[in-house]
C-alpha atoms as a PDB file:
ATOM      1  CA  MET A   1      -7.160 -51.608   5.657  1.00  0.00           C
ATOM      2  CA  ALA A   2      -3.973 -52.652   3.628  1.00  0.00           C
ATOM      3  CA  ALA A   3      -6.035 -52.622   0.188  1.00  0.00           C
ATOM      4  CA  LEU A   4      -7.282 -49.306   1.120  1.00  0.00           C
ATOM      5  CA  VAL A   5      -3.718 -48.025   1.399  1.00  0.00           C
ATOM      6  CA  GLY A   6      -2.463 -49.360  -1.675  1.00  0.00           C
ATOM      7  CA  VAL A   7      -5.425 -47.656  -3.483  1.00  0.00           C
ATOM      8  CA  MET A   8      -4.445 -44.501  -2.239  1.00  0.00           C
ATOM      9  CA  ILE A   9      -0.801 -45.181  -3.290  1.00  0.00           C
ATOM     10  CA  MET A  10      -1.827 -46.254  -6.850  1.00  0.00           C
ATOM     11  CA  VAL A  11      -3.993 -42.820  -7.130  1.00  0.00           C
ATOM     12  CA  ALA A  12      -1.403 -40.473  -5.999  1.00  0.00           C
ATOM     13  CA  PHE A  13       1.079 -42.564  -8.038  1.00  0.00           C
ATOM     14  CA  GLU A  14      -1.334 -41.775 -11.162  1.00  0.00           C
ATOM     15  CA  THR A  15      -1.767 -38.195 -10.671  1.00  0.00           C
ATOM     16  CA  PHE A  16       1.749 -37.012 -10.077  1.00  0.00           C
ATOM     17  CA  ASP A  17       2.977 -34.590 -13.101  1.00  0.00           C
ATOM     18  CA  TRP A  18       5.847 -36.459 -13.416  1.00  0.00           C
ATOM     19  CA  LYS A  19       6.739 -34.101 -16.253  1.00  0.00           C
ATOM     20  CA  SER A  20       7.487 -31.722 -13.818  1.00  0.00           C
ATOM     21  CA  LEU A  21      10.799 -33.218 -12.720  1.00  0.00           C
ATOM     22  CA  LYS A  22      11.886 -32.339 -15.946  1.00  0.00           C
ATOM     23  CA  LEU A  23      11.559 -28.655 -14.816  1.00  0.00           C
ATOM     24  CA  LEU A  24      14.166 -29.026 -12.067  1.00  0.00           C
ATOM     25  CA  ARG A  25      16.888 -28.458 -14.881  1.00  0.00           C
ATOM     26  CA  GLU A  26      15.149 -25.250 -15.885  1.00  0.00           C
ATOM     27  CA  VAL A  27      14.183 -23.387 -12.664  1.00  0.00           C
ATOM     28  CA  ALA A  28      16.588 -21.374 -10.206  1.00  0.00           C
ATOM     29  CA  PRO A  29      18.300 -23.702  -7.902  1.00  0.00           C
ATOM     30  CA  SER A  30      16.574 -22.293  -5.127  1.00  0.00           C
ATOM     31  CA  GLN A  31      12.946 -23.604  -6.282  1.00  0.00           C
ATOM     32  CA  ALA A  32      14.945 -26.766  -7.446  1.00  0.00           C
ATOM     33  CA  VAL A  33      15.734 -27.492  -4.112  1.00  0.00           C
ATOM     34  CA  ILE A  34      12.435 -26.932  -2.539  1.00  0.00           C
ATOM     35  CA  MET A  35      10.212 -29.024  -5.368  1.00  0.00           C
ATOM     36  CA  PRO A  36      11.912 -32.018  -4.028  1.00  0.00           C
ATOM     37  CA  ILE A  37      11.767 -31.273  -0.533  1.00  0.00           C
ATOM     38  CA  THR A  38       8.249 -30.437  -0.544  1.00  0.00           C
ATOM     39  CA  MET A  39       7.353 -33.859  -2.466  1.00  0.00           C
ATOM     40  CA  ILE A  40       9.337 -35.718   0.144  1.00  0.00           C
ATOM     41  CA  PHE A  41       7.721 -33.688   3.174  1.00  0.00           C
ATOM     42  CA  ALA A  42       3.834 -35.378   1.426  1.00  0.00           C
ATOM     43  CA  MET A  43       4.802 -38.231   0.950  1.00  0.00           C
ATOM     44  CA  GLN A  44       5.906 -39.059   4.883  1.00  0.00           C
ATOM     45  CA  ASP A  45       2.769 -37.137   5.688  1.00  0.00           C
ATOM     46  CA  THR A  46       0.927 -39.948   4.076  1.00  0.00           C
END
């Protein structure tokens, strides 16, 4: 079971679009707050 969890974490890590974090500087402040909050909730759900 631990191996499956490890594989799932690596797949999520590799498929995340890390370039989207740079967009936080360019978008409206309200959207810049929502993006990390959504990411945190998605990570807690797993």
